[in-house]
Amino acid sequence: MNPQPVTLIGQHVRLQPIGPQHAADLFAVGSDESIWRYLSRPAFTSLDDAREWVDMCVARNQSGERVQFAVVPAAEERAIGATGYLDIDRPNRALEIGMTWYGLAYQRTAVNTECKYLLLRHAFEDLGALRVCLKTDSRNERSQRAIERIGAVREGVLRNHRITWDGVNRHSVFFSIIASEWPGVKERLEGMMAAAR
């Protein structure tokens, strides 16, 4: 298992390896503080700030530490968020889907469901992953419900797992999907996407 920056194409979105060409778009949709409340950094404060974040993501892609994608709606040519693979454990064929955020207009739409579908399908069917982890801040109940809705199994809580950018001691709720569960999760996600059409 060796995740690499690739383009994943769905019906509603495509996931492209993040690059400098996405910085202005991401700044345009990523400056609202509410998007970043539970994430590892605050909202973008300037275009230069967005460029620095994108440059960091590109460097991590190049090193193999992470694979960060820009989320681009199928009918548009602009990025409206980001998602990716992190905590990549190649010897144990495990990774995490995370650092996911979308502009406010794209939250609670088919975008997130299809992004998760594309990332999970690629992880299990193309990369041969045995385990995919998803985690969220214990305060983020909406995210927990969304992760459970796709069929991930709640594993537990790591207390005081991180100190967030605003100084909060974050408890992280961990979920996972393992390879033997993927067929059922895939069917569920395909059903959710069909219902959203």
C-alpha atoms as a PDB file:
ATOM      1  CA  MET A   1       0.000   0.000   0.000  1.00  0.00           C
ATOM      2  CA  ASN A   2       1.577   3.236  -1.139  1.00  0.00           C
ATOM      3  CA  PRO A   3      -0.811   6.190  -1.570  1.00  0.00           C
ATOM      4  CA  GLN A   4       0.324   8.707  -4.179  1.00  0.00           C
ATOM      5  CA  PRO A   5      -1.187  11.958  -5.458  1.00  0.00           C
ATOM      6  CA  VAL A   6      -3.714  10.905  -8.117  1.00  0.00           C
ATOM      7  CA  THR A   7      -6.958  12.344  -9.464  1.00  0.00           C
ATOM      8  CA  LEU A   8     -10.145  10.583  -8.338  1.00  0.00           C
ATOM      9  CA  ILE A   9     -13.230  11.328 -10.431  1.00  0.00           C
ATOM     10  CA  GLY A  10     -16.833  10.991  -9.308  1.00  0.00           C
ATOM     11  CA  GLN A  11     -20.165  12.165 -10.636  1.00  0.00           C
ATOM     12  CA  HIS A  12     -20.349  15.339  -8.524  1.00  0.00           C
ATOM     13  CA  VAL A  13     -16.713  16.004  -7.650  1.00  0.00           C
ATOM     14  CA  ARG A  14     -13.176  15.221  -8.576  1.00  0.00           C
ATOM     15  CA  LEU A  15     -10.309  15.071  -6.132  1.00  0.00           C
ATOM     16  CA  GLN A  16      -7.126  16.567  -7.553  1.00  0.00           C
ATOM     17  CA  PRO A  17      -3.696  16.598  -5.924  1.00  0.00           C
ATOM     18  CA  ILE A  18      -3.573  19.960  -4.197  1.00  0.00           C
ATOM     19  CA  GLY A  19      -1.339  22.561  -5.829  1.00  0.00           C
ATOM     20  CA  PRO A  20      -0.568  26.279  -5.972  1.00  0.00           C
ATOM     21  CA  GLN A  21      -3.315  26.751  -8.572  1.00  0.00           C
ATOM     22  CA  HIS A  22      -5.902  25.984  -5.850  1.00  0.00           C
ATOM     23  CA  ALA A  23      -4.753  28.561  -3.282  1.00  0.00           C
ATOM     24  CA  ALA A  24      -6.913  31.489  -4.410  1.00  0.00           C
ATOM     25  CA  ASP A  25     -10.035  29.328  -4.658  1.00  0.00           C
ATOM     26  CA  LEU A  26      -9.422  27.806  -1.234  1.00  0.00           C
ATOM     27  CA  PHE A  27      -8.881  31.231   0.298  1.00  0.00           C
ATOM     28  CA  ALA A  28     -12.156  32.435  -1.238  1.00  0.00           C
ATOM     29  CA  VAL A  29     -14.150  29.625   0.411  1.00  0.00           C
ATOM     30  CA  GLY A  30     -11.951  28.993   3.461  1.00  0.00           C
ATOM     31  CA  SER A  31     -11.900  32.299   5.297  1.00  0.00           C
ATOM     32  CA  ASP A  32     -15.038  31.641   7.381  1.00  0.00           C
ATOM     33  CA  GLU A  33     -14.027  30.826  10.964  1.00  0.00           C
ATOM     34  CA  SER A  34     -16.871  28.354  11.496  1.00  0.00           C
ATOM     35  CA  ILE A  35     -15.310  25.947   8.966  1.00  0.00           C
ATOM     36  CA  TRP A  36     -12.136  25.631  11.052  1.00  0.00           C
ATOM     37  CA  ARG A  37     -13.627  25.426  14.537  1.00  0.00           C
ATOM     38  CA  TYR A  38     -12.641  21.773  15.033  1.00  0.00           C
ATOM     39  CA  LEU A  39      -9.646  21.606  12.702  1.00  0.00           C
ATOM     40  CA  SER A  40      -5.937  21.913  13.412  1.00  0.00           C
ATOM     41  CA  ARG A  41      -5.557  25.517  12.293  1.00  0.00           C
ATOM     42  CA  PRO A  42      -7.630  28.712  12.188  1.00  0.00           C
ATOM     43  CA  ALA A  43      -9.332  30.179   9.138  1.00  0.00           C
ATOM     44  CA  PHE A  44      -7.220  31.651   6.364  1.00  0.00           C
ATOM     45  CA  THR A  45      -6.433  35.280   7.119  1.00  0.00           C
ATOM     46  CA  SER A  46      -5.027  36.201   3.710  1.00  0.00           C
ATOM     47  CA  LEU A  47      -4.231  34.800   0.295  1.00  0.00           C
ATOM     48  CA  ASP A  48      -0.606  34.423   1.416  1.00  0.00           C
ATOM     49  CA  ASP A  49      -1.802  32.370   4.395  1.00  0.00           C
ATOM     50  CA  ALA A  50      -3.742  30.071   2.057  1.00  0.00           C
ATOM     51  CA  ARG A  51      -0.703  29.788  -0.223  1.00  0.00           C
ATOM     52  CA  GLU A  52       1.493  28.803   2.731  1.00  0.00           C
ATOM     53  CA  TRP A  53      -0.984  26.111   3.757  1.00  0.00           C
ATOM     54  CA  VAL A  54      -1.180  24.768   0.206  1.00  0.00           C
ATOM     55  CA  ASP A  55       2.640  24.789  -0.034  1.00  0.00           C
ATOM     56  CA  MET A  56       2.812  22.761   3.195  1.00  0.00           C
ATOM     57  CA  CYS A  57       0.300  20.268   1.754  1.00  0.00           C
ATOM     58  CA  VAL A  58       2.312  19.980  -1.484  1.00  0.00           C
ATOM     59  CA  ALA A  59       5.506  19.334   0.502  1.00  0.00           C
ATOM     60  CA  ARG A  60       3.774  16.598   2.490  1.00  0.00           C
ATOM     61  CA  ASN A  61       2.455  15.066  -0.740  1.00  0.00           C
ATOM     62  CA  GLN A  62       5.972  15.049  -2.180  1.00  0.00           C
ATOM     63  CA  SER A  63       7.474  13.476   0.953  1.00  0.00           C
ATOM     64  CA  GLY A  64       4.797  10.765   1.099  1.00  0.00           C
ATOM     65  CA  GLU A  65       3.748  11.877   4.579  1.00  0.00           C
ATOM     66  CA  ARG A  66       0.229  12.689   3.394  1.00  0.00           C
ATOM     67  CA  VAL A  67      -1.833  12.866   0.234  1.00  0.00           C
ATOM     68  CA  GLN A  68      -3.914  16.048   0.238  1.00  0.00           C
ATOM     69  CA  PHE A  69      -6.558  16.683  -2.413  1.00  0.00           C
ATOM     70  CA  ALA A  70      -8.398  19.775  -3.564  1.00  0.00           C
ATOM     71  CA  VAL A  71     -12.128  19.134  -3.944  1.00  0.00           C
ATOM     72  CA  VAL A  72     -13.434  20.441  -7.275  1.00  0.00           C
ATOM     73  CA  PRO A  73     -17.121  20.173  -8.269  1.00  0.00           C
ATOM     74  CA  ALA A  74     -17.569  18.313 -11.559  1.00  0.00           C
ATOM     75  CA  ALA A  75     -19.305  21.249 -13.249  1.00  0.00           C
ATOM     76  CA  GLU A  76     -16.808  23.846 -12.051  1.00  0.00           C
ATOM     77  CA  GLU A  77     -13.124  24.614 -12.330  1.00  0.00           C
ATOM     78  CA  ARG A  78     -12.591  25.921  -8.821  1.00  0.00           C
ATOM     79  CA  ALA A  79     -11.663  24.216  -5.579  1.00  0.00           C
ATOM     80  CA  ILE A  80     -14.300  24.360  -2.851  1.00  0.00           C
ATOM     81  CA  GLY A  81     -12.476  22.489  -0.087  1.00  0.00           C
ATOM     82  CA  ALA A  82      -9.891  19.864   0.681  1.00  0.00           C
ATOM     83  CA  THR A  83      -9.551  16.340   2.030  1.00  0.00           C
ATOM     84  CA  GLY A  84      -6.866  13.719   2.164  1.00  0.00           C
ATOM     85  CA  TYR A  85      -5.049  10.716   3.500  1.00  0.00           C
ATOM     86  CA  LEU A  86      -2.922  11.159   6.599  1.00  0.00           C
ATOM     87  CA  ASP A  87      -1.293   9.008   9.260  1.00  0.00           C
ATOM     88  CA  ILE A  88      -0.268   6.650   6.441  1.00  0.00           C
ATOM     89  CA  ASP A  89       1.079   3.373   7.843  1.00  0.00           C
ATOM     90  CA  ARG A  90       2.349   1.552   4.766  1.00  0.00           C
ATOM     91  CA  PRO A  91       3.693  -1.620   6.446  1.00  0.00           C
ATOM     92  CA  ASN A  92       0.363  -2.204   8.208  1.00  0.00           C
ATOM     93  CA  ARG A  93      -1.739  -1.084   5.217  1.00  0.00           C
ATOM     94  CA  ALA A  94      -3.633   1.492   7.237  1.00  0.00           C
ATOM     95  CA  LEU A  95      -4.376   5.182   6.809  1.00  0.00           C
ATOM     96  CA  GLU A  96      -6.699   7.924   7.952  1.00  0.00           C
ATOM     97  CA  ILE A  97      -9.087  10.060   5.938  1.00  0.00           C
ATOM     98  CA  GLY A  98      -9.007  13.550   7.355  1.00  0.00           C
ATOM     99  CA  MET A  99      -8.161  17.239   7.169  1.00  0.00           C
ATOM    100  CA  THR A 100     -11.489  17.531   5.392  1.00  0.00           C
ATOM    101  CA  TRP A 101     -13.230  20.856   5.004  1.00  0.00           C
ATOM    102  CA  TYR A 102     -15.610  22.474   2.523  1.00  0.00           C
ATOM    103  CA  GLY A 103     -16.875  25.987   1.880  1.00  0.00           C
ATOM    104  CA  LEU A 104     -20.144  26.682   3.686  1.00  0.00           C
ATOM    105  CA  ALA A 105     -22.258  26.459   0.512  1.00  0.00           C
ATOM    106  CA  TYR A 106     -21.062  22.873  -0.034  1.00  0.00           C
ATOM    107  CA  GLN A 107     -21.617  21.531   3.462  1.00  0.00           C
ATOM    108  CA  ARG A 108     -24.517  19.097   3.900  1.00  0.00           C
ATOM    109  CA  THR A 109     -24.554  18.366   0.177  1.00  0.00           C
ATOM    110  CA  ALA A 110     -23.623  15.320  -1.899  1.00  0.00           C
ATOM    111  CA  VAL A 111     -20.018  16.556  -1.959  1.00  0.00           C
ATOM    112  CA  ASN A 112     -18.904  14.981   1.332  1.00  0.00           C
ATOM    113  CA  THR A 113     -20.602  11.644   0.681  1.00  0.00           C
ATOM    114  CA  GLU A 114     -18.974  11.299  -2.718  1.00  0.00           C
ATOM    115  CA  CYS A 115     -15.572  12.420  -1.424  1.00  0.00           C
ATOM    116  CA  LYS A 116     -15.675   9.741   1.276  1.00  0.00           C
ATOM    117  CA  TYR A 117     -16.790   7.178  -1.308  1.00  0.00           C
ATOM    118  CA  LEU A 118     -13.949   8.026  -3.688  1.00  0.00           C
ATOM    119  CA  LEU A 119     -11.325   7.995  -0.940  1.00  0.00           C
ATOM    120  CA  LEU A 120     -12.554   4.759   0.628  1.00  0.00           C
ATOM    121  CA  ARG A 121     -12.908   2.989  -2.707  1.00  0.00           C
ATOM    122  CA  HIS A 122      -9.400   4.016  -3.728  1.00  0.00           C
ATOM    123  CA  ALA A 123      -7.977   2.974  -0.346  1.00  0.00           C
ATOM    124  CA  PHE A 124      -9.580  -0.461  -0.245  1.00  0.00           C
ATOM    125  CA  GLU A 125      -9.851  -1.417  -3.927  1.00  0.00           C
ATOM    126  CA  ASP A 126      -6.767   0.195  -5.478  1.00  0.00           C
ATOM    127  CA  LEU A 127      -4.322   0.461  -2.586  1.00  0.00           C
ATOM    128  CA  GLY A 128      -5.256  -2.689  -0.686  1.00  0.00           C
ATOM    129  CA  ALA A 129      -5.808  -0.974   2.654  1.00  0.00           C
ATOM    130  CA  LEU A 130      -6.802  -3.158   5.582  1.00  0.00           C
ATOM    131  CA  ARG A 131      -7.984  -0.300   7.805  1.00  0.00           C
ATOM    132  CA  VAL A 132      -9.175   3.247   7.264  1.00  0.00           C
ATOM    133  CA  CYS A 133      -9.506   5.505  10.285  1.00  0.00           C
ATOM    134  CA  LEU A 134     -11.613   8.635  10.658  1.00  0.00           C
ATOM    135  CA  LYS A 135     -11.466  10.830  13.736  1.00  0.00           C
ATOM    136  CA  THR A 136     -13.156  13.983  14.919  1.00  0.00           C
ATOM    137  CA  ASP A 137     -13.286  16.372  17.835  1.00  0.00           C
ATOM    138  CA  SER A 138     -15.622  15.081  20.557  1.00  0.00           C
ATOM    139  CA  ARG A 139     -17.418  18.454  20.444  1.00  0.00           C
ATOM    140  CA  ASN A 140     -18.231  17.986  16.761  1.00  0.00           C
ATOM    141  CA  GLU A 141     -21.392  15.919  17.058  1.00  0.00           C
ATOM    142  CA  ARG A 142     -22.454  16.591  13.473  1.00  0.00           C
ATOM    143  CA  SER A 143     -19.234  15.049  12.191  1.00  0.00           C
ATOM    144  CA  GLN A 144     -19.642  12.029  14.472  1.00  0.00           C
ATOM    145  CA  ARG A 145     -23.174  11.416  13.162  1.00  0.00           C
ATOM    146  CA  ALA A 146     -21.971  11.734   9.556  1.00  0.00           C
ATOM    147  CA  ILE A 147     -19.167   9.224  10.108  1.00  0.00           C
ATOM    148  CA  GLU A 148     -21.512   6.754  11.809  1.00  0.00           C
ATOM    149  CA  ARG A 149     -24.071   7.214   9.021  1.00  0.00           C
ATOM    150  CA  ILE A 150     -21.670   5.835   6.409  1.00  0.00           C
ATOM    151  CA  GLY A 151     -21.126   2.691   8.494  1.00  0.00           C
ATOM    152  CA  ALA A 152     -17.849   3.363  10.312  1.00  0.00           C
ATOM    153  CA  VAL A 153     -17.441   1.713  13.716  1.00  0.00           C
ATOM    154  CA  ARG A 154     -16.826   3.936  16.734  1.00  0.00           C
ATOM    155  CA  GLU A 155     -13.718   2.655  18.498  1.00  0.00           C
ATOM    156  CA  GLY A 156     -13.352   5.045  21.409  1.00  0.00           C
ATOM    157  CA  VAL A 157     -12.084   8.383  22.616  1.00  0.00           C
ATOM    158  CA  LEU A 158      -8.512   9.538  23.113  1.00  0.00           C
ATOM    159  CA  ARG A 159      -8.803  12.085  25.914  1.00  0.00           C
ATOM    160  CA  ASN A 160      -6.681  15.248  25.761  1.00  0.00           C
ATOM    161  CA  HIS A 161      -5.419  13.962  22.429  1.00  0.00           C
ATOM    162  CA  ARG A 162      -4.487  17.352  20.986  1.00  0.00           C
ATOM    163  CA  ILE A 163      -4.237  20.969  22.011  1.00  0.00           C
ATOM    164  CA  THR A 164      -6.178  22.819  19.345  1.00  0.00           C
ATOM    165  CA  TRP A 165      -5.089  26.027  17.670  1.00  0.00           C
ATOM    166  CA  ASP A 166      -7.303  27.978  20.081  1.00  0.00           C
ATOM    167  CA  GLY A 167      -5.916  26.247  23.188  1.00  0.00           C
ATOM    168  CA  VAL A 168      -8.687  23.700  23.846  1.00  0.00           C
ATOM    169  CA  ASN A 169      -7.708  20.234  25.131  1.00  0.00           C
ATOM    170  CA  ARG A 170      -9.338  18.194  22.384  1.00  0.00           C
ATOM    171  CA  HIS A 171     -10.707  14.720  22.972  1.00  0.00           C
ATOM    172  CA  SER A 172     -10.654  12.803  19.659  1.00  0.00           C
ATOM    173  CA  VAL A 173     -13.342  10.262  18.778  1.00  0.00           C
ATOM    174  CA  PHE A 174     -11.915   7.466  16.615  1.00  0.00           C
ATOM    175  CA  PHE A 175     -13.847   5.449  14.029  1.00  0.00           C
ATOM    176  CA  SER A 176     -12.688   2.853  11.536  1.00  0.00           C
ATOM    177  CA  ILE A 177     -13.706   0.769   8.581  1.00  0.00           C
ATOM    178  CA  ILE A 178     -11.798  -2.435   7.919  1.00  0.00           C
ATOM    179  CA  ALA A 179     -11.441  -4.280   4.639  1.00  0.00           C
ATOM    180  CA  SER A 180     -14.047  -6.934   5.451  1.00  0.00           C
ATOM    181  CA  GLU A 181     -16.615  -4.175   6.142  1.00  0.00           C
ATOM    182  CA  TRP A 182     -15.937  -2.243   2.955  1.00  0.00           C
ATOM    183  CA  PRO A 183     -18.481  -4.087   0.726  1.00  0.00           C
ATOM    184  CA  GLY A 184     -21.324  -3.166   3.098  1.00  0.00           C
ATOM    185  CA  VAL A 185     -20.100   0.405   3.539  1.00  0.00           C
ATOM    186  CA  LYS A 186     -19.714   0.737  -0.233  1.00  0.00           C
ATOM    187  CA  GLU A 187     -23.291  -0.412  -0.782  1.00  0.00           C
ATOM    188  CA  ARG A 188     -24.533   2.034   1.838  1.00  0.00           C
ATOM    189  CA  LEU A 189     -22.625   4.953   0.317  1.00  0.00           C
ATOM    190  CA  GLU A 190     -23.829   4.091  -3.199  1.00  0.00           C
ATOM    191  CA  GLY A 191     -27.385   4.053  -1.878  1.00  0.00           C
ATOM    192  CA  MET A 192     -26.903   7.436  -0.218  1.00  0.00           C
ATOM    193  CA  MET A 193     -25.498   8.912  -3.419  1.00  0.00           C
ATOM    194  CA  ALA A 194     -28.336   7.481  -5.520  1.00  0.00           C
ATOM    195  CA  ALA A 195     -30.907   8.963  -3.123  1.00  0.00           C
ATOM    196  CA  ALA A 196     -29.247  12.386  -3.389  1.00  0.00           C
ATOM    197  CA  ARG A 197     -29.564  12.518  -7.196  1.00  0.00           C
END
